[in-house]
């Protein structure tokens, strides 16, 4: 297998950073949702809306070949 070019490595790094940011945003949303549910909150709070928007924003930053992950939001 040939060694990746600098441009290919830069693209790989960017893709992984975008995916990590997306997964962190999802994890934050899920954790917060669980905390709210545990105390009986069943409405969309401002914090939930903020975290949900963060997931949407991070999903928009995903590369084209990973956009299918954003479709499940």
C-alpha atoms as a PDB file:
ATOM      1  CA  UNK A   1       0.000   0.000   0.000  1.00  0.00           C
ATOM      2  CA  UNK A   2       1.495   3.352  -0.978  1.00  0.00           C
ATOM      3  CA  UNK A   3       2.136   6.001   1.611  1.00  0.00           C
ATOM      4  CA  UNK A   4      -0.655   8.627   1.679  1.00  0.00           C
ATOM      5  CA  UNK A   5       0.158  12.064   0.346  1.00  0.00           C
ATOM      6  CA  UNK A   6       0.155  15.097   2.620  1.00  0.00           C
ATOM      7  CA  UNK A   7      -3.153  16.195   1.114  1.00  0.00           C
ATOM      8  CA  UNK A   8      -4.696  12.769   1.718  1.00  0.00           C
ATOM      9  CA  UNK A   9      -3.508  12.780   5.322  1.00  0.00           C
ATOM     10  CA  UNK A  10      -4.865  16.290   5.862  1.00  0.00           C
ATOM     11  CA  UNK A  11      -8.249  15.169   4.524  1.00  0.00           C
ATOM     12  CA  UNK A  12      -8.165  12.077   6.752  1.00  0.00           C
ATOM     13  CA  UNK A  13      -7.386  14.206   9.810  1.00  0.00           C
ATOM     14  CA  UNK A  14     -10.203  16.648   9.009  1.00  0.00           C
ATOM     15  CA  UNK A  15     -12.705  13.828   8.473  1.00  0.00           C
ATOM     16  CA  UNK A  16     -11.808  12.259  11.807  1.00  0.00           C
ATOM     17  CA  UNK A  17     -12.000  15.575  13.653  1.00  0.00           C
ATOM     18  CA  UNK A  18     -15.431  16.258  12.172  1.00  0.00           C
ATOM     19  CA  UNK A  19     -16.632  12.779  13.105  1.00  0.00           C
ATOM     20  CA  UNK A  20     -15.291  13.132  16.648  1.00  0.00           C
ATOM     21  CA  UNK A  21     -17.039  16.493  17.070  1.00  0.00           C
ATOM     22  CA  UNK A  22     -20.293  14.977  15.791  1.00  0.00           C
ATOM     23  CA  UNK A  23     -20.064  12.005  18.142  1.00  0.00           C
ATOM     24  CA  UNK A  24     -19.218  14.274  21.123  1.00  0.00           C
ATOM     25  CA  UNK A  25     -22.230  16.459  20.358  1.00  0.00           C
ATOM     26  CA  UNK A  26     -24.442  13.372  20.161  1.00  0.00           C
ATOM     27  CA  UNK A  27     -23.066  12.008  23.421  1.00  0.00           C
ATOM     28  CA  UNK A  28     -23.651  15.340  25.174  1.00  0.00           C
ATOM     29  CA  UNK A  29     -27.243  15.422  23.935  1.00  0.00           C
ATOM     30  CA  UNK A  30     -27.952  11.834  24.962  1.00  0.00           C
ATOM     31  CA  UNK A  31     -26.390  12.290  28.398  1.00  0.00           C
ATOM     32  CA  UNK A  32     -28.339  15.475  29.038  1.00  0.00           C
ATOM     33  CA  UNK A  33     -31.572  13.883  27.831  1.00  0.00           C
ATOM     34  CA  UNK A  34     -31.043  10.988  30.234  1.00  0.00           C
ATOM     35  CA  UNK A  35     -30.414  13.407  33.117  1.00  0.00           C
ATOM     36  CA  UNK A  36     -33.573  15.359  32.340  1.00  0.00           C
ATOM     37  CA  UNK A  37     -35.646  12.191  32.018  1.00  0.00           C
ATOM     38  CA  UNK A  38     -34.287  10.920  35.332  1.00  0.00           C
ATOM     39  CA  UNK A  39     -35.755  13.933  37.113  1.00  0.00           C
ATOM     40  CA  UNK A  40     -39.032  13.797  35.229  1.00  0.00           C
ATOM     41  CA  UNK A  41     -38.490  16.512  32.627  1.00  0.00           C
ATOM     42  CA  UNK A  42     -40.409  15.544  29.514  1.00  0.00           C
ATOM     43  CA  UNK A  43     -40.396  18.789  27.523  1.00  0.00           C
ATOM     44  CA  UNK A  44     -37.729  20.229  25.255  1.00  0.00           C
ATOM     45  CA  UNK A  45     -35.804  22.581  27.532  1.00  0.00           C
ATOM     46  CA  UNK A  46     -33.587  25.397  26.244  1.00  0.00           C
ATOM     47  CA  UNK A  47     -30.533  23.288  27.070  1.00  0.00           C
ATOM     48  CA  UNK A  48     -31.914  20.336  25.120  1.00  0.00           C
ATOM     49  CA  UNK A  49     -32.586  22.608  22.148  1.00  0.00           C
ATOM     50  CA  UNK A  50     -29.067  24.023  22.340  1.00  0.00           C
ATOM     51  CA  UNK A  51     -27.493  20.577  22.458  1.00  0.00           C
ATOM     52  CA  UNK A  52     -29.725  19.325  19.657  1.00  0.00           C
ATOM     53  CA  UNK A  53     -28.653  22.277  17.515  1.00  0.00           C
ATOM     54  CA  UNK A  54     -25.030  21.446  18.275  1.00  0.00           C
ATOM     55  CA  UNK A  55     -25.598  17.947  16.877  1.00  0.00           C
ATOM     56  CA  UNK A  56     -27.203  19.403  13.749  1.00  0.00           C
ATOM     57  CA  UNK A  57     -24.360  21.872  13.285  1.00  0.00           C
ATOM     58  CA  UNK A  58     -21.700  19.213  13.789  1.00  0.00           C
ATOM     59  CA  UNK A  59     -23.523  16.933  11.355  1.00  0.00           C
ATOM     60  CA  UNK A  60     -23.372  19.609   8.696  1.00  0.00           C
ATOM     61  CA  UNK A  61     -19.595  19.599   9.033  1.00  0.00           C
ATOM     62  CA  UNK A  62     -19.319  15.898   8.217  1.00  0.00           C
ATOM     63  CA  UNK A  63     -17.727  15.054   4.877  1.00  0.00           C
ATOM     64  CA  UNK A  64     -19.984  13.932   2.042  1.00  0.00           C
ATOM     65  CA  UNK A  65     -19.259  10.233   2.511  1.00  0.00           C
ATOM     66  CA  UNK A  66     -20.341  10.447   6.175  1.00  0.00           C
ATOM     67  CA  UNK A  67     -23.500  12.504   5.678  1.00  0.00           C
ATOM     68  CA  UNK A  68     -25.622   9.363   6.074  1.00  0.00           C
ATOM     69  CA  UNK A  69     -24.828   9.589   9.797  1.00  0.00           C
ATOM     70  CA  UNK A  70     -26.551  12.961   9.849  1.00  0.00           C
ATOM     71  CA  UNK A  71     -29.711  11.532   8.282  1.00  0.00           C
ATOM     72  CA  UNK A  72     -30.689   9.759  11.493  1.00  0.00           C
ATOM     73  CA  UNK A  73     -31.037  12.993  13.467  1.00  0.00           C
END
